[in-house]
Amino acid sequence: MTGNRLSKIYTRTGDDGTTGLGNGERIEKTNIRIDVMGDLDELNSVFGVLGSSVVVDSVSSHILDIQHRLFDIGGELAIPGSAVINSVHVDNLEEHIDTYNEELPALKEFILPGGSLSASICHLARSVCRRAERNLVAMSRNEYINPESLHYINRLSDLLFVLARVLNQENCVKEIFWNSERLKRSV
């Protein structure tokens, strides 16, 4: 089975403010479905930056898989009613979270985004992931969304938080803790 080859990048069909879905339907570019697809594309791009930064092998091995899964979720949105992500994908993320988290010290304070470059990119990806999740949940209030995709995106932001901590540890960079004491001094 062969797909359509993109021989021409521009089509002019979107000049009227609509875009085509994989099922042939045309919808407004301001539709929340397109917002979520854009969030996922942005998140995938941040993963591309993360993958091209100096990342330890134990992390880089998962980045490409996650990028494929994000593309799969975008495909689900492009073809309403389709489902590619399943509980196995969610379980895999949970296993990675548990494995990475075992090696980390327990948290006693909130962490500010930052540290090493790769950890900072993880924090950026986490915040983009949370936006994608919020918009996906909002969309699910009115349209069918594969529940496993919702679970996947939720776990992915958790994984990104843990990965940021792992990358700081691997790069011998101290985490930046939120200083709640400064509030008492400023009053």
N, C-alpha and C. Protein backbone atom coordinates (compact mmCIF):
# COMPACT_ATOMS: atom_id res chain seq x y z
N MET A 1 0.84 -1.17 0.00
CA MET A 1 0.00 0.00 0.00
C MET A 1 0.89 1.24 0.00
N THR A 2 0.64 2.13 -0.90
CA THR A 2 1.42 3.36 -0.96
C THR A 2 0.53 4.54 -0.66
N GLY A 3 1.10 5.54 -0.03
CA GLY A 3 0.36 6.75 0.30
C GLY A 3 0.53 7.79 -0.78
N ASN A 4 -0.13 8.88 -0.60
CA ASN A 4 0.02 9.99 -1.52
C ASN A 4 1.36 10.67 -1.27
N ARG A 5 2.02 11.00 -2.33
CA ARG A 5 3.30 11.68 -2.21
C ARG A 5 3.06 13.17 -2.35
N LEU A 6 3.66 13.93 -1.45
CA LEU A 6 3.53 15.38 -1.51
C LEU A 6 4.52 15.92 -2.54
N SER A 7 4.04 16.18 -3.74
CA SER A 7 4.93 16.72 -4.75
C SER A 7 4.84 18.24 -4.78
N LYS A 8 3.77 18.78 -4.22
CA LYS A 8 3.60 20.22 -4.16
C LYS A 8 3.24 20.58 -2.73
N ILE A 9 3.98 21.48 -2.12
CA ILE A 9 3.80 21.80 -0.71
C ILE A 9 2.60 22.72 -0.51
N TYR A 10 2.40 23.67 -1.37
CA TYR A 10 1.26 24.56 -1.20
C TYR A 10 0.12 24.14 -2.12
N THR A 11 -1.10 24.28 -1.63
CA THR A 11 -2.28 23.88 -2.41
C THR A 11 -3.26 25.02 -2.63
N ARG A 12 -3.15 26.06 -1.82
CA ARG A 12 -4.04 27.21 -1.83
C ARG A 12 -5.44 26.89 -1.31
N THR A 13 -5.69 25.64 -0.93
CA THR A 13 -7.03 25.28 -0.45
C THR A 13 -7.30 25.85 0.93
N GLY A 14 -6.25 26.23 1.66
CA GLY A 14 -6.42 26.79 2.99
C GLY A 14 -6.50 28.30 3.01
N ASP A 15 -6.46 28.91 1.85
CA ASP A 15 -6.50 30.37 1.78
C ASP A 15 -7.82 30.94 2.31
N ASP A 16 -8.85 30.12 2.39
CA ASP A 16 -10.15 30.60 2.88
C ASP A 16 -10.31 30.42 4.39
N GLY A 17 -9.21 30.01 5.07
CA GLY A 17 -9.27 29.85 6.53
C GLY A 17 -9.72 28.47 6.98
N THR A 18 -9.77 27.52 6.06
CA THR A 18 -10.12 26.14 6.41
C THR A 18 -8.93 25.24 6.13
N THR A 19 -9.00 24.04 6.68
CA THR A 19 -7.96 23.05 6.42
C THR A 19 -8.63 21.68 6.29
N GLY A 20 -7.98 20.77 5.60
CA GLY A 20 -8.55 19.46 5.37
C GLY A 20 -8.08 18.44 6.39
N LEU A 21 -8.99 17.59 6.81
CA LEU A 21 -8.65 16.46 7.68
C LEU A 21 -8.37 15.24 6.82
N GLY A 22 -7.86 14.21 7.45
CA GLY A 22 -7.52 12.98 6.73
C GLY A 22 -8.72 12.28 6.13
N ASN A 23 -9.92 12.56 6.65
CA ASN A 23 -11.13 11.93 6.12
C ASN A 23 -11.78 12.77 5.02
N GLY A 24 -11.11 13.85 4.60
CA GLY A 24 -11.63 14.69 3.54
C GLY A 24 -12.47 15.87 4.01
N GLU A 25 -12.87 15.85 5.28
CA GLU A 25 -13.67 16.95 5.82
C GLU A 25 -12.81 18.21 5.92
N ARG A 26 -13.42 19.37 5.68
CA ARG A 26 -12.73 20.64 5.84
C ARG A 26 -13.30 21.33 7.07
N ILE A 27 -12.41 21.86 7.90
CA ILE A 27 -12.83 22.57 9.10
C ILE A 27 -12.07 23.89 9.20
N GLU A 28 -12.59 24.78 10.03
CA GLU A 28 -11.94 26.08 10.25
C GLU A 28 -10.57 25.88 10.91
N LYS A 29 -9.62 26.69 10.52
CA LYS A 29 -8.29 26.61 11.13
C LYS A 29 -8.33 27.04 12.59
N THR A 30 -9.39 27.70 13.01
CA THR A 30 -9.54 28.11 14.41
C THR A 30 -10.23 27.04 15.26
N ASN A 31 -10.57 25.92 14.68
CA ASN A 31 -11.21 24.81 15.40
C ASN A 31 -10.23 24.26 16.45
N ILE A 32 -10.76 23.91 17.62
CA ILE A 32 -9.90 23.39 18.70
C ILE A 32 -9.12 22.15 18.26
N ARG A 33 -9.66 21.38 17.34
CA ARG A 33 -8.95 20.20 16.83
C ARG A 33 -7.62 20.63 16.20
N ILE A 34 -7.65 21.73 15.47
CA ILE A 34 -6.43 22.23 14.82
C ILE A 34 -5.49 22.81 15.87
N ASP A 35 -6.05 23.46 16.91
CA ASP A 35 -5.21 23.95 18.01
C ASP A 35 -4.45 22.79 18.66
N VAL A 36 -5.15 21.70 18.94
CA VAL A 36 -4.51 20.55 19.59
C VAL A 36 -3.46 19.94 18.67
N MET A 37 -3.79 19.83 17.39
CA MET A 37 -2.81 19.29 16.45
C MET A 37 -1.55 20.18 16.41
N GLY A 38 -1.76 21.49 16.50
CA GLY A 38 -0.63 22.41 16.54
C GLY A 38 0.18 22.26 17.81
N ASP A 39 -0.51 22.08 18.95
CA ASP A 39 0.19 21.84 20.21
C ASP A 39 1.06 20.59 20.12
N LEU A 40 0.51 19.53 19.54
CA LEU A 40 1.26 18.28 19.41
C LEU A 40 2.45 18.44 18.47
N ASP A 41 2.26 19.20 17.40
CA ASP A 41 3.35 19.46 16.47
C ASP A 41 4.46 20.25 17.15
N GLU A 42 4.06 21.26 17.94
CA GLU A 42 5.04 22.05 18.69
C GLU A 42 5.79 21.17 19.69
N LEU A 43 5.05 20.32 20.39
CA LEU A 43 5.67 19.42 21.36
C LEU A 43 6.65 18.48 20.66
N ASN A 44 6.26 17.96 19.52
CA ASN A 44 7.14 17.07 18.77
C ASN A 44 8.40 17.81 18.34
N SER A 45 8.25 19.07 17.98
CA SER A 45 9.41 19.88 17.60
C SER A 45 10.35 20.10 18.78
N VAL A 46 9.78 20.32 19.97
CA VAL A 46 10.62 20.48 21.16
C VAL A 46 11.36 19.17 21.44
N PHE A 47 10.69 18.04 21.22
CA PHE A 47 11.38 16.75 21.37
C PHE A 47 12.53 16.64 20.36
N GLY A 48 12.33 17.19 19.16
CA GLY A 48 13.41 17.19 18.18
C GLY A 48 14.61 17.97 18.68
N VAL A 49 14.36 19.11 19.31
CA VAL A 49 15.44 19.91 19.90
C VAL A 49 16.09 19.13 21.04
N LEU A 50 15.27 18.51 21.88
CA LEU A 50 15.81 17.71 22.98
C LEU A 50 16.70 16.59 22.44
N GLY A 51 16.24 15.92 21.41
CA GLY A 51 17.02 14.82 20.83
C GLY A 51 18.34 15.27 20.23
N SER A 52 18.39 16.52 19.76
CA SER A 52 19.62 17.01 19.16
C SER A 52 20.55 17.66 20.18
N SER A 53 20.05 17.83 21.42
CA SER A 53 20.93 18.34 22.48
C SER A 53 21.73 17.16 23.03
N VAL A 54 22.65 17.47 23.88
CA VAL A 54 23.46 16.41 24.46
C VAL A 54 22.60 15.68 25.50
N VAL A 55 22.15 14.50 25.13
CA VAL A 55 21.28 13.70 25.99
C VAL A 55 21.92 12.33 26.17
N VAL A 56 21.84 11.82 27.39
CA VAL A 56 22.41 10.50 27.67
C VAL A 56 21.68 9.42 26.88
N ASP A 57 22.39 8.33 26.60
CA ASP A 57 21.82 7.26 25.78
C ASP A 57 20.52 6.69 26.35
N SER A 58 20.44 6.59 27.67
CA SER A 58 19.24 6.00 28.27
C SER A 58 18.00 6.84 27.99
N VAL A 59 18.17 8.13 27.72
CA VAL A 59 17.04 9.01 27.42
C VAL A 59 16.82 9.10 25.92
N SER A 60 17.89 9.23 25.16
CA SER A 60 17.75 9.41 23.71
C SER A 60 17.08 8.22 23.05
N SER A 61 17.20 7.05 23.66
CA SER A 61 16.56 5.86 23.08
C SER A 61 15.04 5.95 23.09
N HIS A 62 14.49 6.78 23.97
CA HIS A 62 13.03 6.90 24.06
C HIS A 62 12.46 8.06 23.26
N ILE A 63 13.30 9.03 22.92
CA ILE A 63 12.81 10.25 22.28
C ILE A 63 12.15 9.97 20.94
N LEU A 64 12.79 9.19 20.09
CA LEU A 64 12.24 8.91 18.77
C LEU A 64 10.90 8.17 18.88
N ASP A 65 10.81 7.23 19.80
CA ASP A 65 9.55 6.51 20.00
C ASP A 65 8.44 7.46 20.41
N ILE A 66 8.75 8.38 21.31
CA ILE A 66 7.76 9.35 21.76
C ILE A 66 7.35 10.25 20.60
N GLN A 67 8.29 10.66 19.77
CA GLN A 67 7.95 11.49 18.62
C GLN A 67 6.99 10.76 17.69
N HIS A 68 7.20 9.48 17.48
CA HIS A 68 6.27 8.70 16.66
C HIS A 68 4.89 8.64 17.29
N ARG A 69 4.84 8.45 18.60
CA ARG A 69 3.54 8.39 19.30
C ARG A 69 2.81 9.73 19.19
N LEU A 70 3.52 10.83 19.32
CA LEU A 70 2.88 12.15 19.18
C LEU A 70 2.33 12.32 17.76
N PHE A 71 3.06 11.83 16.78
CA PHE A 71 2.57 11.88 15.40
C PHE A 71 1.34 11.00 15.25
N ASP A 72 1.34 9.85 15.92
CA ASP A 72 0.17 8.95 15.89
C ASP A 72 -1.07 9.64 16.47
N ILE A 73 -0.89 10.36 17.57
CA ILE A 73 -2.02 11.06 18.19
C ILE A 73 -2.51 12.15 17.25
N GLY A 74 -1.60 12.85 16.60
CA GLY A 74 -1.99 13.83 15.59
C GLY A 74 -2.78 13.17 14.47
N GLY A 75 -2.39 11.96 14.10
CA GLY A 75 -3.13 11.21 13.09
C GLY A 75 -4.53 10.85 13.55
N GLU A 76 -4.65 10.50 14.82
CA GLU A 76 -5.98 10.22 15.37
C GLU A 76 -6.87 11.46 15.25
N LEU A 77 -6.30 12.62 15.50
CA LEU A 77 -7.07 13.85 15.41
C LEU A 77 -7.39 14.21 13.96
N ALA A 78 -6.49 13.87 13.05
CA ALA A 78 -6.70 14.17 11.63
C ALA A 78 -7.75 13.26 11.01
N ILE A 79 -7.96 12.10 11.62
CA ILE A 79 -8.99 11.17 11.14
C ILE A 79 -9.90 10.88 12.32
N PRO A 80 -10.91 11.75 12.54
CA PRO A 80 -11.79 11.61 13.71
C PRO A 80 -12.33 10.19 13.85
N GLY A 81 -12.29 9.71 15.10
CA GLY A 81 -12.79 8.37 15.40
C GLY A 81 -11.73 7.29 15.35
N SER A 82 -10.54 7.62 14.82
CA SER A 82 -9.50 6.59 14.75
C SER A 82 -8.76 6.50 16.08
N ALA A 83 -8.14 5.35 16.31
CA ALA A 83 -7.39 5.12 17.55
C ALA A 83 -6.14 4.30 17.23
N VAL A 84 -4.99 4.84 17.60
CA VAL A 84 -3.72 4.16 17.40
C VAL A 84 -3.07 3.88 18.75
N ILE A 85 -3.15 4.85 19.65
CA ILE A 85 -2.54 4.72 20.96
C ILE A 85 -3.37 3.77 21.81
N ASN A 86 -2.70 2.88 22.54
CA ASN A 86 -3.42 1.94 23.40
C ASN A 86 -2.76 1.88 24.78
N SER A 87 -3.30 1.07 25.64
CA SER A 87 -2.83 1.01 27.03
C SER A 87 -1.37 0.56 27.14
N VAL A 88 -0.88 -0.19 26.18
CA VAL A 88 0.51 -0.63 26.21
C VAL A 88 1.44 0.58 26.11
N HIS A 89 1.08 1.55 25.28
CA HIS A 89 1.90 2.75 25.14
C HIS A 89 1.93 3.53 26.46
N VAL A 90 0.80 3.60 27.12
CA VAL A 90 0.71 4.29 28.41
C VAL A 90 1.53 3.52 29.45
N ASP A 91 1.37 2.22 29.48
CA ASP A 91 2.13 1.38 30.43
C ASP A 91 3.64 1.56 30.25
N ASN A 92 4.09 1.67 28.99
CA ASN A 92 5.52 1.86 28.72
C ASN A 92 6.02 3.16 29.33
N LEU A 93 5.22 4.22 29.20
CA LEU A 93 5.63 5.50 29.81
C LEU A 93 5.72 5.36 31.33
N GLU A 94 4.73 4.69 31.92
CA GLU A 94 4.74 4.51 33.38
C GLU A 94 5.97 3.72 33.82
N GLU A 95 6.34 2.70 33.07
CA GLU A 95 7.54 1.92 33.40
C GLU A 95 8.79 2.80 33.35
N HIS A 96 8.88 3.64 32.32
CA HIS A 96 10.04 4.55 32.21
C HIS A 96 10.06 5.52 33.38
N ILE A 97 8.91 6.07 33.73
CA ILE A 97 8.83 7.00 34.86
C ILE A 97 9.33 6.31 36.13
N ASP A 98 8.81 5.12 36.40
CA ASP A 98 9.19 4.39 37.61
C ASP A 98 10.68 4.06 37.62
N THR A 99 11.21 3.63 36.50
CA THR A 99 12.63 3.27 36.42
C THR A 99 13.52 4.48 36.67
N TYR A 100 13.23 5.58 35.97
CA TYR A 100 14.05 6.79 36.15
C TYR A 100 13.90 7.36 37.56
N ASN A 101 12.71 7.34 38.09
CA ASN A 101 12.44 7.96 39.39
C ASN A 101 13.12 7.22 40.54
N GLU A 102 13.36 5.91 40.37
CA GLU A 102 14.02 5.12 41.42
C GLU A 102 15.39 5.67 41.79
N GLU A 103 16.07 6.24 40.81
CA GLU A 103 17.44 6.71 41.02
C GLU A 103 17.51 8.16 41.52
N LEU A 104 16.37 8.81 41.68
CA LEU A 104 16.36 10.23 42.06
C LEU A 104 16.10 10.41 43.54
N PRO A 105 16.68 11.45 44.13
CA PRO A 105 16.38 11.73 45.54
C PRO A 105 14.93 12.21 45.67
N ALA A 106 14.34 11.92 46.82
CA ALA A 106 12.96 12.35 47.07
C ALA A 106 12.89 13.87 47.06
N LEU A 107 11.78 14.39 46.58
CA LEU A 107 11.60 15.84 46.54
C LEU A 107 11.03 16.35 47.85
N LYS A 108 11.58 17.46 48.31
CA LYS A 108 11.07 18.11 49.51
C LYS A 108 10.60 19.52 49.19
N GLU A 109 10.96 20.01 48.01
CA GLU A 109 10.62 21.36 47.57
C GLU A 109 10.16 21.29 46.11
N PHE A 110 9.49 22.35 45.68
CA PHE A 110 9.16 22.46 44.26
C PHE A 110 10.43 22.80 43.48
N ILE A 111 10.48 22.36 42.24
CA ILE A 111 11.63 22.61 41.38
C ILE A 111 11.26 23.66 40.35
N LEU A 112 12.17 24.61 40.16
CA LEU A 112 12.00 25.59 39.09
C LEU A 112 12.57 25.02 37.80
N PRO A 113 11.97 25.33 36.65
CA PRO A 113 12.53 24.87 35.39
C PRO A 113 13.94 25.42 35.20
N GLY A 114 14.84 24.57 34.79
CA GLY A 114 16.20 25.01 34.53
C GLY A 114 17.21 23.94 34.82
N GLY A 115 18.44 24.37 34.98
CA GLY A 115 19.54 23.46 35.20
C GLY A 115 20.34 23.32 33.92
N SER A 116 20.60 22.11 33.51
CA SER A 116 21.35 21.88 32.27
C SER A 116 20.47 22.24 31.07
N LEU A 117 21.10 22.39 29.92
CA LEU A 117 20.34 22.71 28.70
C LEU A 117 19.30 21.64 28.40
N SER A 118 19.70 20.37 28.45
CA SER A 118 18.75 19.30 28.12
C SER A 118 17.61 19.24 29.14
N ALA A 119 17.89 19.46 30.41
CA ALA A 119 16.83 19.48 31.42
C ALA A 119 15.89 20.65 31.18
N SER A 120 16.46 21.79 30.82
CA SER A 120 15.63 22.97 30.54
C SER A 120 14.70 22.71 29.35
N ILE A 121 15.22 22.02 28.34
CA ILE A 121 14.39 21.67 27.18
C ILE A 121 13.27 20.72 27.62
N CYS A 122 13.58 19.80 28.53
CA CYS A 122 12.54 18.90 29.07
C CYS A 122 11.44 19.70 29.76
N HIS A 123 11.83 20.69 30.54
CA HIS A 123 10.83 21.52 31.22
C HIS A 123 9.98 22.29 30.21
N LEU A 124 10.60 22.79 29.15
CA LEU A 124 9.84 23.46 28.10
C LEU A 124 8.87 22.48 27.45
N ALA A 125 9.34 21.30 27.14
CA ALA A 125 8.47 20.27 26.55
C ALA A 125 7.33 19.93 27.49
N ARG A 126 7.61 19.86 28.79
CA ARG A 126 6.57 19.55 29.78
C ARG A 126 5.47 20.61 29.77
N SER A 127 5.86 21.87 29.70
CA SER A 127 4.83 22.92 29.71
C SER A 127 4.03 22.92 28.42
N VAL A 128 4.66 22.64 27.28
CA VAL A 128 3.92 22.52 26.01
C VAL A 128 3.00 21.31 26.07
N CYS A 129 3.48 20.22 26.68
CA CYS A 129 2.68 19.01 26.82
C CYS A 129 1.44 19.28 27.67
N ARG A 130 1.60 20.03 28.74
CA ARG A 130 0.45 20.36 29.61
C ARG A 130 -0.58 21.19 28.85
N ARG A 131 -0.13 22.12 28.01
CA ARG A 131 -1.07 22.90 27.19
C ARG A 131 -1.81 21.99 26.22
N ALA A 132 -1.07 21.09 25.58
CA ALA A 132 -1.71 20.14 24.66
C ALA A 132 -2.75 19.31 25.40
N GLU A 133 -2.41 18.89 26.61
CA GLU A 133 -3.36 18.10 27.40
C GLU A 133 -4.60 18.91 27.74
N ARG A 134 -4.42 20.15 28.17
CA ARG A 134 -5.59 20.99 28.51
C ARG A 134 -6.52 21.15 27.31
N ASN A 135 -5.93 21.40 26.14
CA ASN A 135 -6.75 21.58 24.94
C ASN A 135 -7.38 20.26 24.49
N LEU A 136 -6.67 19.16 24.66
CA LEU A 136 -7.21 17.85 24.32
C LEU A 136 -8.40 17.51 25.23
N VAL A 137 -8.27 17.82 26.51
CA VAL A 137 -9.37 17.58 27.45
C VAL A 137 -10.56 18.46 27.08
N ALA A 138 -10.30 19.73 26.78
CA ALA A 138 -11.40 20.63 26.39
C ALA A 138 -12.11 20.09 25.14
N MET A 139 -11.35 19.61 24.19
CA MET A 139 -11.93 19.05 22.98
C MET A 139 -12.76 17.80 23.29
N SER A 140 -12.27 17.00 24.23
CA SER A 140 -12.96 15.74 24.56
C SER A 140 -14.32 15.98 25.21
N ARG A 141 -14.57 17.19 25.68
CA ARG A 141 -15.87 17.50 26.29
C ARG A 141 -16.98 17.52 25.24
N ASN A 142 -16.60 17.74 23.96
CA ASN A 142 -17.60 17.84 22.90
C ASN A 142 -17.43 16.82 21.77
N GLU A 143 -16.24 16.21 21.69
CA GLU A 143 -15.97 15.26 20.61
C GLU A 143 -15.24 14.04 21.17
N TYR A 144 -15.38 12.93 20.46
CA TYR A 144 -14.69 11.71 20.90
C TYR A 144 -13.19 11.88 20.73
N ILE A 145 -12.47 11.56 21.78
CA ILE A 145 -11.01 11.49 21.77
C ILE A 145 -10.65 10.13 22.35
N ASN A 146 -9.72 9.45 21.73
CA ASN A 146 -9.25 8.17 22.25
C ASN A 146 -8.78 8.38 23.69
N PRO A 147 -9.44 7.74 24.67
CA PRO A 147 -9.05 7.96 26.07
C PRO A 147 -7.60 7.60 26.35
N GLU A 148 -7.06 6.62 25.65
CA GLU A 148 -5.67 6.24 25.86
C GLU A 148 -4.71 7.34 25.41
N SER A 149 -5.11 8.13 24.43
CA SER A 149 -4.28 9.27 24.01
C SER A 149 -4.26 10.33 25.10
N LEU A 150 -5.39 10.55 25.74
CA LEU A 150 -5.43 11.47 26.88
C LEU A 150 -4.52 10.98 28.00
N HIS A 151 -4.58 9.70 28.29
CA HIS A 151 -3.73 9.12 29.34
C HIS A 151 -2.25 9.25 28.96
N TYR A 152 -1.97 9.00 27.68
CA TYR A 152 -0.58 9.06 27.21
C TYR A 152 -0.01 10.46 27.40
N ILE A 153 -0.74 11.46 26.99
CA ILE A 153 -0.26 12.84 27.11
C ILE A 153 -0.08 13.23 28.58
N ASN A 154 -0.99 12.78 29.43
CA ASN A 154 -0.86 13.07 30.86
C ASN A 154 0.41 12.43 31.42
N ARG A 155 0.67 11.18 31.09
CA ARG A 155 1.87 10.50 31.58
C ARG A 155 3.13 11.10 30.98
N LEU A 156 3.02 11.56 29.74
CA LEU A 156 4.19 12.11 29.07
C LEU A 156 4.70 13.34 29.80
N SER A 157 3.81 14.19 30.29
CA SER A 157 4.28 15.37 31.04
C SER A 157 4.95 14.94 32.34
N ASP A 158 4.45 13.88 32.95
CA ASP A 158 5.11 13.35 34.16
C ASP A 158 6.50 12.83 33.82
N LEU A 159 6.60 12.10 32.72
CA LEU A 159 7.91 11.59 32.30
C LEU A 159 8.88 12.73 32.04
N LEU A 160 8.41 13.79 31.41
CA LEU A 160 9.29 14.93 31.12
C LEU A 160 9.81 15.58 32.40
N PHE A 161 8.97 15.66 33.42
CA PHE A 161 9.42 16.20 34.71
C PHE A 161 10.54 15.34 35.28
N VAL A 162 10.32 14.03 35.28
CA VAL A 162 11.32 13.10 35.82
C VAL A 162 12.59 13.13 34.97
N LEU A 163 12.43 13.18 33.64
CA LEU A 163 13.61 13.23 32.77
C LEU A 163 14.43 14.48 33.00
N ALA A 164 13.78 15.60 33.25
CA ALA A 164 14.53 16.83 33.54
C ALA A 164 15.41 16.63 34.77
N ARG A 165 14.86 15.97 35.78
CA ARG A 165 15.63 15.69 36.99
C ARG A 165 16.79 14.74 36.69
N VAL A 166 16.52 13.70 35.90
CA VAL A 166 17.55 12.73 35.53
C VAL A 166 18.68 13.43 34.76
N LEU A 167 18.31 14.27 33.81
CA LEU A 167 19.32 14.93 32.99
C LEU A 167 20.17 15.89 33.81
N ASN A 168 19.56 16.57 34.76
CA ASN A 168 20.37 17.43 35.64
C ASN A 168 21.33 16.58 36.46
N GLN A 169 20.84 15.46 36.96
CA GLN A 169 21.70 14.58 37.76
C GLN A 169 22.84 14.02 36.90
N GLU A 170 22.51 13.56 35.69
CA GLU A 170 23.53 12.98 34.81
C GLU A 170 24.57 14.02 34.39
N ASN A 171 24.16 15.28 34.31
CA ASN A 171 25.07 16.36 33.93
C ASN A 171 25.71 17.04 35.13
N CYS A 172 25.50 16.47 36.32
CA CYS A 172 26.06 17.01 37.57
C CYS A 172 25.67 18.47 37.78
N VAL A 173 24.42 18.78 37.47
CA VAL A 173 23.88 20.13 37.64
C VAL A 173 22.83 20.06 38.74
N LYS A 174 22.96 20.95 39.70
CA LYS A 174 22.00 20.96 40.81
C LYS A 174 20.64 21.47 40.34
N GLU A 175 19.61 20.86 40.89
CA GLU A 175 18.26 21.32 40.59
C GLU A 175 18.04 22.68 41.26
N ILE A 176 17.18 23.47 40.67
CA ILE A 176 16.87 24.79 41.20
C ILE A 176 15.56 24.68 41.99
N PHE A 177 15.67 24.82 43.29
CA PHE A 177 14.48 24.68 44.13
C PHE A 177 13.80 26.03 44.32
N TRP A 178 12.49 26.01 44.36
CA TRP A 178 11.71 27.21 44.64
C TRP A 178 12.00 27.62 46.08
N ASN A 179 12.33 28.87 46.26
CA ASN A 179 12.68 29.39 47.58
C ASN A 179 11.45 30.03 48.21
N SER A 180 10.73 29.27 49.00
CA SER A 180 9.53 29.79 49.65
C SER A 180 9.88 30.77 50.76
N GLU A 181 11.10 30.71 51.29
CA GLU A 181 11.53 31.61 52.36
C GLU A 181 11.59 33.06 51.88
N ARG A 182 11.84 33.27 50.61
CA ARG A 182 11.95 34.63 50.10
C ARG A 182 10.63 35.38 50.23
N LEU A 183 9.51 34.65 50.27
CA LEU A 183 8.21 35.30 50.44
C LEU A 183 8.10 35.92 51.83
N LYS A 184 8.63 35.21 52.81
CA LYS A 184 8.58 35.71 54.18
C LYS A 184 9.45 36.95 54.35
N ARG A 185 10.57 37.00 53.62
CA ARG A 185 11.48 38.15 53.70
C ARG A 185 10.95 39.38 52.99
N SER A 186 10.09 39.17 51.98
CA SER A 186 9.62 40.30 51.19
C SER A 186 8.38 40.98 51.77
N VAL A 187 7.83 40.41 52.83
CA VAL A 187 6.61 40.98 53.42
C VAL A 187 6.95 42.10 54.38
